[in-house]
Amino acid sequence: RLVPDVDHNSSICGIGGISGTEQGVEEMRVLKHGRTTGLTEGVITDESVDQLVGMSHTDPSIVGRFERQLRIERAGTSTVIGLGGDSGSLVVSRDNHAAVGLYFAGPDSGIYGLANPIDAVLDELQIELIV
């Protein structure tokens, strides 16, 4: 819950305001603004990928299995979709700025990344998106 007397801004740097939520689907062009990479553009290449993700920087045998995630590849002029430090960035539709996912992982090369579908995030945390 927002504290009434505390200023807040619900727009995203380089993107602007969010129009609501939408299910991410294959071939959807998306944007995100990350701490490390700034504004990047991508395309959803799989709307329900199951993937093992490394959970330790020192032990590659420690992995977590993430199911029904969005796989996003770099697109447009972006050389990467995300890098370390971008986790937690909101992924939005390029066309209408609807939130589709929450970026959380990708390889060191940044050529693709994974995002939790936004509806699953909001449901699990029992929160609503401020638009």
Protein backbone atom coordinates (compact mmCIF):
# COMPACT_ATOMS: atom_id res chain seq x y z
CA ARG A 1 0.00 0.00 0.00
CA LEU A 2 1.28 3.45 -0.87
CA VAL A 3 1.84 5.83 2.00
CA PRO A 4 -0.50 8.81 1.40
CA ASP A 5 2.02 11.63 1.99
CA VAL A 6 4.93 10.05 0.09
CA ASP A 7 5.43 11.12 -3.53
CA HIS A 8 5.57 8.34 -6.10
CA ASN A 9 6.04 8.14 -9.84
CA SER A 10 4.66 5.16 -11.73
CA SER A 11 6.36 5.89 -15.05
CA ILE A 12 9.42 3.99 -16.25
CA CYS A 13 12.53 5.80 -17.44
CA GLY A 14 12.66 5.82 -21.24
CA ILE A 15 9.23 4.17 -21.51
CA GLY A 16 6.72 6.33 -19.68
CA GLY A 17 3.47 5.30 -18.04
CA ILE A 18 2.12 1.76 -17.94
CA SER A 19 -1.32 1.11 -19.46
CA GLY A 20 -2.21 -2.02 -17.47
CA THR A 21 -1.30 -5.68 -17.94
CA GLU A 22 -1.41 -8.06 -20.87
CA GLN A 23 -0.38 -11.66 -21.48
CA GLY A 24 2.96 -11.91 -23.25
CA VAL A 25 2.72 -13.95 -26.46
CA GLU A 26 5.23 -15.18 -29.03
CA GLU A 27 6.41 -12.54 -31.52
CA MET A 28 5.33 -9.67 -29.20
CA ARG A 29 7.84 -6.82 -29.27
CA VAL A 30 8.72 -5.65 -25.76
CA LEU A 31 10.73 -2.99 -23.95
CA LYS A 32 12.42 -2.86 -20.57
CA HIS A 33 14.60 -0.38 -18.75
CA GLY A 34 17.22 -2.06 -16.58
CA ARG A 35 19.72 -0.68 -14.11
CA THR A 36 22.65 -2.03 -16.11
CA THR A 37 21.49 -1.92 -19.72
CA GLY A 38 19.11 1.04 -19.75
CA LEU A 39 16.37 0.87 -22.38
CA THR A 40 16.39 -2.35 -24.43
CA GLU A 41 14.05 -3.88 -26.97
CA GLY A 42 13.25 -7.55 -27.40
CA VAL A 43 10.83 -10.05 -28.84
CA ILE A 44 9.12 -12.87 -26.95
CA THR A 45 10.24 -16.12 -28.59
CA ASP A 46 8.53 -18.51 -26.16
CA GLU A 47 5.58 -17.67 -23.94
CA SER A 48 5.83 -20.80 -21.77
CA VAL A 49 9.42 -22.01 -21.53
CA ASP A 50 10.68 -24.29 -18.75
CA GLN A 51 14.33 -23.59 -17.98
CA LEU A 52 17.04 -24.41 -15.47
CA VAL A 53 18.67 -21.27 -14.07
CA GLY A 54 21.96 -21.18 -12.18
CA MET A 55 21.42 -20.12 -8.57
CA SER A 56 25.10 -19.78 -7.54
CA HIS A 57 27.98 -17.85 -9.11
CA THR A 58 30.48 -20.32 -7.64
CA ASP A 59 28.74 -23.70 -8.03
CA PRO A 60 27.21 -24.42 -11.46
CA SER A 61 25.50 -27.55 -10.11
CA ILE A 62 23.08 -25.44 -8.05
CA VAL A 63 20.12 -24.68 -10.30
CA GLY A 64 16.44 -23.87 -10.02
CA ARG A 65 13.78 -25.02 -12.48
CA PHE A 66 11.50 -22.21 -13.61
CA GLU A 67 8.34 -23.24 -15.46
CA ARG A 68 6.03 -21.34 -17.80
CA GLN A 69 8.32 -18.33 -18.17
CA LEU A 70 8.68 -15.81 -20.99
CA ARG A 71 11.82 -16.16 -23.14
CA ILE A 72 12.83 -12.83 -24.67
CA GLU A 73 15.52 -12.30 -27.31
CA ARG A 74 17.18 -8.99 -28.13
CA ALA A 75 15.65 -7.09 -31.05
CA GLY A 76 15.92 -3.81 -32.92
CA THR A 77 19.17 -2.00 -32.25
CA SER A 78 19.64 -3.59 -28.80
CA THR A 79 22.82 -5.65 -28.53
CA VAL A 80 21.50 -7.34 -25.37
CA ILE A 81 18.10 -7.74 -23.74
CA GLY A 82 19.48 -7.76 -20.20
CA LEU A 83 22.56 -8.19 -18.02
CA GLY A 84 23.32 -8.70 -14.35
CA GLY A 85 21.67 -5.96 -12.31
CA ASP A 86 18.58 -5.78 -14.54
CA SER A 87 16.61 -8.30 -12.49
CA GLY A 88 13.30 -6.86 -11.35
CA SER A 89 12.86 -4.70 -14.46
CA LEU A 90 9.31 -4.53 -15.76
CA VAL A 91 8.90 -5.86 -19.31
CA VAL A 92 6.20 -4.05 -21.28
CA SER A 93 4.58 -4.36 -24.69
CA ARG A 94 6.24 -1.98 -27.16
CA ASP A 95 2.87 -1.20 -28.76
CA ASN A 96 0.79 -0.16 -25.74
CA HIS A 97 3.14 -0.21 -22.72
CA ALA A 98 1.11 -2.91 -20.95
CA ALA A 99 3.17 -4.85 -18.39
CA VAL A 100 3.79 -8.43 -19.53
CA GLY A 101 6.57 -9.70 -17.27
CA LEU A 102 9.25 -9.17 -14.66
CA TYR A 103 12.81 -9.76 -15.94
CA PHE A 104 14.88 -12.05 -13.72
CA ALA A 105 17.61 -14.02 -15.53
CA GLY A 106 19.66 -14.54 -18.66
CA PRO A 107 23.07 -15.71 -19.85
CA ASP A 108 26.15 -13.53 -19.42
CA SER A 109 25.99 -12.73 -23.16
CA GLY A 110 22.60 -11.03 -22.74
CA ILE A 111 21.30 -12.34 -26.07
CA TYR A 112 18.14 -13.61 -24.39
CA GLY A 113 16.51 -13.33 -21.01
CA LEU A 114 13.70 -14.77 -18.92
CA ALA A 115 10.77 -12.99 -17.34
CA ASN A 116 8.06 -14.16 -14.97
CA PRO A 117 4.61 -13.57 -16.52
CA ILE A 118 3.21 -10.45 -14.85
CA ASP A 119 -0.12 -12.01 -13.84
CA ALA A 120 1.71 -14.78 -11.94
CA VAL A 121 3.88 -12.17 -10.16
CA LEU A 122 0.90 -10.04 -9.14
CA ASP A 123 -1.11 -13.08 -7.99
CA GLU A 124 1.76 -14.58 -6.00
CA LEU A 125 2.59 -11.30 -4.26
CA GLN A 126 -1.11 -10.39 -3.87
CA ILE A 127 -0.53 -6.91 -5.25
CA GLU A 128 -1.95 -4.67 -7.96
CA LEU A 129 -0.01 -2.71 -10.54
CA ILE A 130 -0.29 1.07 -10.23
CA VAL A 131 -1.08 2.65 -13.59
